C-alpha atoms as a PDB file:
ATOM      1  CA  UNK A   1     -69.070  58.648 -31.354  1.00  0.00           C
ATOM      2  CA  UNK A   2     -66.436  59.180 -33.910  1.00  0.00           C
ATOM      3  CA  UNK A   3     -64.235  56.416 -35.215  1.00  0.00           C
ATOM      4  CA  UNK A   4     -61.182  58.037 -33.589  1.00  0.00           C
ATOM      5  CA  UNK A   5     -62.838  58.074 -30.203  1.00  0.00           C
ATOM      6  CA  UNK A   6     -63.963  54.468 -30.714  1.00  0.00           C
ATOM      7  CA  UNK A   7     -60.415  53.336 -31.574  1.00  0.00           C
ATOM      8  CA  UNK A   8     -59.027  55.306 -28.632  1.00  0.00           C
ATOM      9  CA  UNK A   9     -61.565  53.613 -26.339  1.00  0.00           C
ATOM     10  CA  UNK A  10     -60.647  50.173 -27.775  1.00  0.00           C
ATOM     11  CA  UNK A  11     -56.944  50.938 -27.297  1.00  0.00           C
ATOM     12  CA  UNK A  12     -57.548  52.135 -23.726  1.00  0.00           C
ATOM     13  CA  UNK A  13     -59.658  49.054 -22.972  1.00  0.00           C
ATOM     14  CA  UNK A  14     -56.879  46.858 -24.449  1.00  0.00           C
ATOM     15  CA  UNK A  15     -54.329  48.509 -22.178  1.00  0.00           C
ATOM     16  CA  UNK A  16     -56.569  47.932 -19.160  1.00  0.00           C
ATOM     17  CA  UNK A  17     -56.965  44.244 -20.072  1.00  0.00           C
ATOM     18  CA  UNK A  18     -53.226  43.962 -20.717  1.00  0.00           C
ATOM     19  CA  UNK A  19     -52.366  45.568 -17.369  1.00  0.00           C
ATOM     20  CA  UNK A  20     -54.957  43.378 -15.611  1.00  0.00           C
ATOM     21  CA  UNK A  21     -53.305  40.301 -17.156  1.00  0.00           C
ATOM     22  CA  UNK A  22     -49.766  41.498 -16.418  1.00  0.00           C
ATOM     23  CA  UNK A  23     -50.302  42.270 -12.715  1.00  0.00           C
ATOM     24  CA  UNK A  24     -50.659  38.597 -11.586  1.00  0.00           C
ATOM     25  CA  UNK A  25     -47.762  37.640 -13.835  1.00  0.00           C
ATOM     26  CA  UNK A  26     -45.542  40.334 -12.335  1.00  0.00           C
ATOM     27  CA  UNK A  27     -46.584  39.309  -8.819  1.00  0.00           C
ATOM     28  CA  UNK A  28     -45.675  35.706  -9.566  1.00  0.00           C
ATOM     29  CA  UNK A  29     -42.329  36.813 -10.979  1.00  0.00           C
ATOM     30  CA  UNK A  30     -41.705  38.823  -7.793  1.00  0.00           C
ATOM     31  CA  UNK A  31     -42.564  35.787  -5.586  1.00  0.00           C
ATOM     32  CA  UNK A  32     -40.303  33.582  -7.672  1.00  0.00           C
ATOM     33  CA  UNK A  33     -37.475  36.111  -7.398  1.00  0.00           C
ATOM     34  CA  UNK A  34     -37.859  36.163  -3.586  1.00  0.00           C
ATOM     35  CA  UNK A  35     -37.773  32.371  -3.388  1.00  0.00           C
ATOM     36  CA  UNK A  36     -34.771  32.298  -5.684  1.00  0.00           C
ATOM     37  CA  UNK A  37     -33.003  34.841  -3.484  1.00  0.00           C
ATOM     38  CA  UNK A  38     -33.730  32.713  -0.397  1.00  0.00           C
ATOM     39  CA  UNK A  39     -32.468  29.608  -2.152  1.00  0.00           C
ATOM     40  CA  UNK A  40     -29.293  31.379  -3.258  1.00  0.00           C
ATOM     41  CA  UNK A  41     -28.710  32.615   0.307  1.00  0.00           C
ATOM     42  CA  UNK A  42     -29.117  29.055   1.595  1.00  0.00           C
ATOM     43  CA  UNK A  43     -26.739  27.705  -1.054  1.00  0.00           C
ATOM     44  CA  UNK A  44     -24.266  30.459  -0.219  1.00  0.00           C
ATOM     45  CA  UNK A  45     -24.269  29.516   3.481  1.00  0.00           C
ATOM     46  CA  UNK A  46     -23.947  25.784   2.738  1.00  0.00           C
ATOM     47  CA  UNK A  47     -21.299  25.918   0.017  1.00  0.00           C
ATOM     48  CA  UNK A  48     -18.574  27.440   2.222  1.00  0.00           C
ATOM     49  CA  UNK A  49     -18.395  24.502   4.659  1.00  0.00           C
ATOM     50  CA  UNK A  50     -18.710  22.090   1.741  1.00  0.00           C
ATOM     51  CA  UNK A  51     -15.667  23.616   0.027  1.00  0.00           C
ATOM     52  CA  UNK A  52     -13.776  23.600   3.331  1.00  0.00           C
ATOM     53  CA  UNK A  53     -14.583  19.919   3.827  1.00  0.00           C
ATOM     54  CA  UNK A  54     -13.551  19.102   0.261  1.00  0.00           C
ATOM     55  CA  UNK A  55     -10.264  20.961   0.763  1.00  0.00           C
ATOM     56  CA  UNK A  56      -9.549  19.101   4.017  1.00  0.00           C
ATOM     57  CA  UNK A  57     -10.329  15.787   2.325  1.00  0.00           C
ATOM     58  CA  UNK A  58      -7.973  16.635  -0.546  1.00  0.00           C
ATOM     59  CA  UNK A  59      -5.205  17.518   1.936  1.00  0.00           C
ATOM     60  CA  UNK A  60      -5.740  14.244   3.816  1.00  0.00           C
ATOM     61  CA  UNK A  61      -5.583  12.348   0.529  1.00  0.00           C
ATOM     62  CA  UNK A  62      -2.283  14.051  -0.303  1.00  0.00           C
ATOM     63  CA  UNK A  63      -0.869  13.057   3.105  1.00  0.00           C
ATOM     64  CA  UNK A  64      -2.143   9.501   2.651  1.00  0.00           C
ATOM     65  CA  UNK A  65      -0.646   9.316  -0.837  1.00  0.00           C
ATOM     66  CA  UNK A  66       2.712  10.533   0.450  1.00  0.00           C
ATOM     67  CA  UNK A  67       2.591   7.945   3.240  1.00  0.00           C
ATOM     68  CA  UNK A  68       1.749   5.166   0.798  1.00  0.00           C
ATOM     69  CA  UNK A  69       4.585   6.258  -1.488  1.00  0.00           C
ATOM     70  CA  UNK A  70       7.003   6.138   1.477  1.00  0.00           C
ATOM     71  CA  UNK A  71       5.794   2.641   2.381  1.00  0.00           C
ATOM     72  CA  UNK A  72       6.231   1.525  -1.221  1.00  0.00           C
ATOM     73  CA  UNK A  73       9.774   2.905  -1.233  1.00  0.00           C
ATOM     74  CA  UNK A  74      10.520   1.024   2.001  1.00  0.00           C
ATOM     75  CA  UNK A  75       9.045  -2.136   0.501  1.00  0.00           C
ATOM     76  CA  UNK A  76      11.217  -1.695  -2.586  1.00  0.00           C
ATOM     77  CA  UNK A  77      14.246  -1.382  -0.328  1.00  0.00           C
ATOM     78  CA  UNK A  78      13.196  -4.525   1.551  1.00  0.00           C
ATOM     79  CA  UNK A  79      12.744  -6.486  -1.667  1.00  0.00           C
ATOM     80  CA  UNK A  80      16.136  -5.321  -2.905  1.00  0.00           C
ATOM     81  CA  UNK A  81      17.752  -6.497   0.348  1.00  0.00           C
ATOM     82  CA  UNK A  82      15.938  -9.846   0.168  1.00  0.00           C
ATOM     83  CA  UNK A  83      17.056 -10.238  -3.433  1.00  0.00           C
ATOM     84  CA  UNK A  84      20.644  -9.429  -2.442  1.00  0.00           C
ATOM     85  CA  UNK A  85      20.460 -11.974   0.415  1.00  0.00           C
ATOM     86  CA  UNK A  86      19.132 -14.552  -2.042  1.00  0.00           C
ATOM     87  CA  UNK A  87      22.043 -13.891  -4.385  1.00  0.00           C
ATOM     88  CA  UNK A  88      24.467 -14.238  -1.480  1.00  0.00           C
ATOM     89  CA  UNK A  89      22.844 -17.515  -0.417  1.00  0.00           C
ATOM     90  CA  UNK A  90      23.035 -18.807  -3.977  1.00  0.00           C
ATOM     91  CA  UNK A  91      26.699 -17.815  -4.202  1.00  0.00           C
ATOM     92  CA  UNK A  92      27.418 -19.481  -0.843  1.00  0.00           C
ATOM     93  CA  UNK A  93      25.610 -22.618  -1.974  1.00  0.00           C
ATOM     94  CA  UNK A  94      27.626 -22.698  -5.190  1.00  0.00           C
ATOM     95  CA  UNK A  95      30.873 -22.244  -3.270  1.00  0.00           C
ATOM     96  CA  UNK A  96      29.944 -25.036  -0.859  1.00  0.00           C
ATOM     97  CA  UNK A  97      28.915 -27.281  -3.704  1.00  0.00           C
ATOM     98  CA  UNK A  98      32.082 -26.616  -5.696  1.00  0.00           C
ATOM     99  CA  UNK A  99      34.613 -26.651  -2.839  1.00  0.00           C
ATOM    100  CA  UNK A 100      33.186 -28.688   0.012  1.00  0.00           C
ATOM    101  CA  UNK A 101      31.444 -31.445  -1.962  1.00  0.00           C
ATOM    102  CA  UNK A 102      34.651 -32.861  -3.467  1.00  0.00           C
ATOM    103  CA  UNK A 103      36.265 -32.844  -0.031  1.00  0.00           C
ATOM    104  CA  UNK A 104      33.276 -34.654   1.462  1.00  0.00           C
ATOM    105  CA  UNK A 105      33.385 -37.151  -1.370  1.00  0.00           C
ATOM    106  CA  UNK A 106      37.078 -37.787  -0.649  1.00  0.00           C
ATOM    107  CA  UNK A 107      36.362 -38.181   3.082  1.00  0.00           C
ATOM    108  CA  UNK A 108      33.482 -40.546   2.353  1.00  0.00           C
ATOM    109  CA  UNK A 109      35.702 -42.525  -0.026  1.00  0.00           C
ATOM    110  CA  UNK A 110      38.469 -42.658   2.589  1.00  0.00           C
ATOM    111  CA  UNK A 111      35.937 -43.796   5.190  1.00  0.00           C
ATOM    112  CA  UNK A 112      34.678 -46.526   2.874  1.00  0.00           C
ATOM    113  CA  UNK A 113      38.256 -47.596   2.208  1.00  0.00           C
ATOM    114  CA  UNK A 114      39.051 -47.718   5.936  1.00  0.00           C
ATOM    115  CA  UNK A 115      35.905 -49.775   6.594  1.00  0.00           C
ATOM    116  CA  UNK A 116      36.805 -52.194   3.819  1.00  0.00           C
ATOM    117  CA  UNK A 117      40.385 -52.426   5.078  1.00  0.00           C
ATOM    118  CA  UNK A 118      39.315 -53.070   8.680  1.00  0.00           C
ATOM    119  CA  UNK A 119      36.722 -55.610   7.614  1.00  0.00           C
ATOM    120  CA  UNK A 120      39.297 -57.460   5.527  1.00  0.00           C
ATOM    121  CA  UNK A 121      41.826 -57.658   8.361  1.00  0.00           C
ATOM    122  CA  UNK A 122      39.279 -58.445  11.042  1.00  0.00           C
ATOM    123  CA  UNK A 123      38.217 -61.594   9.206  1.00  0.00           C
END
């Protein structure tokens, strides 16, 4: 056996060992690729309804937000009207205090004077 033949035999034997080691690895890669394809198909079928549900939820949230904003605007209007009514009540109270109170004081004074006068003459 010549050295060239020996090296060729060693190289051929190395290739056989390499192929024998690569076959199970390639089979495992093929199995993994099949499982990955099945998983991706499952994800693909599940993600469509999930996106649809997320879109519907987002639309409902937009409607709810618009409704809440309308209610807040109505509440602002109500508070403005209550504030205006409070100002009117305060103004009315001030008018009554400034205009009616002196008149009531005069009437009360007149009443006290009449009582004193009648008491003096009745005795």
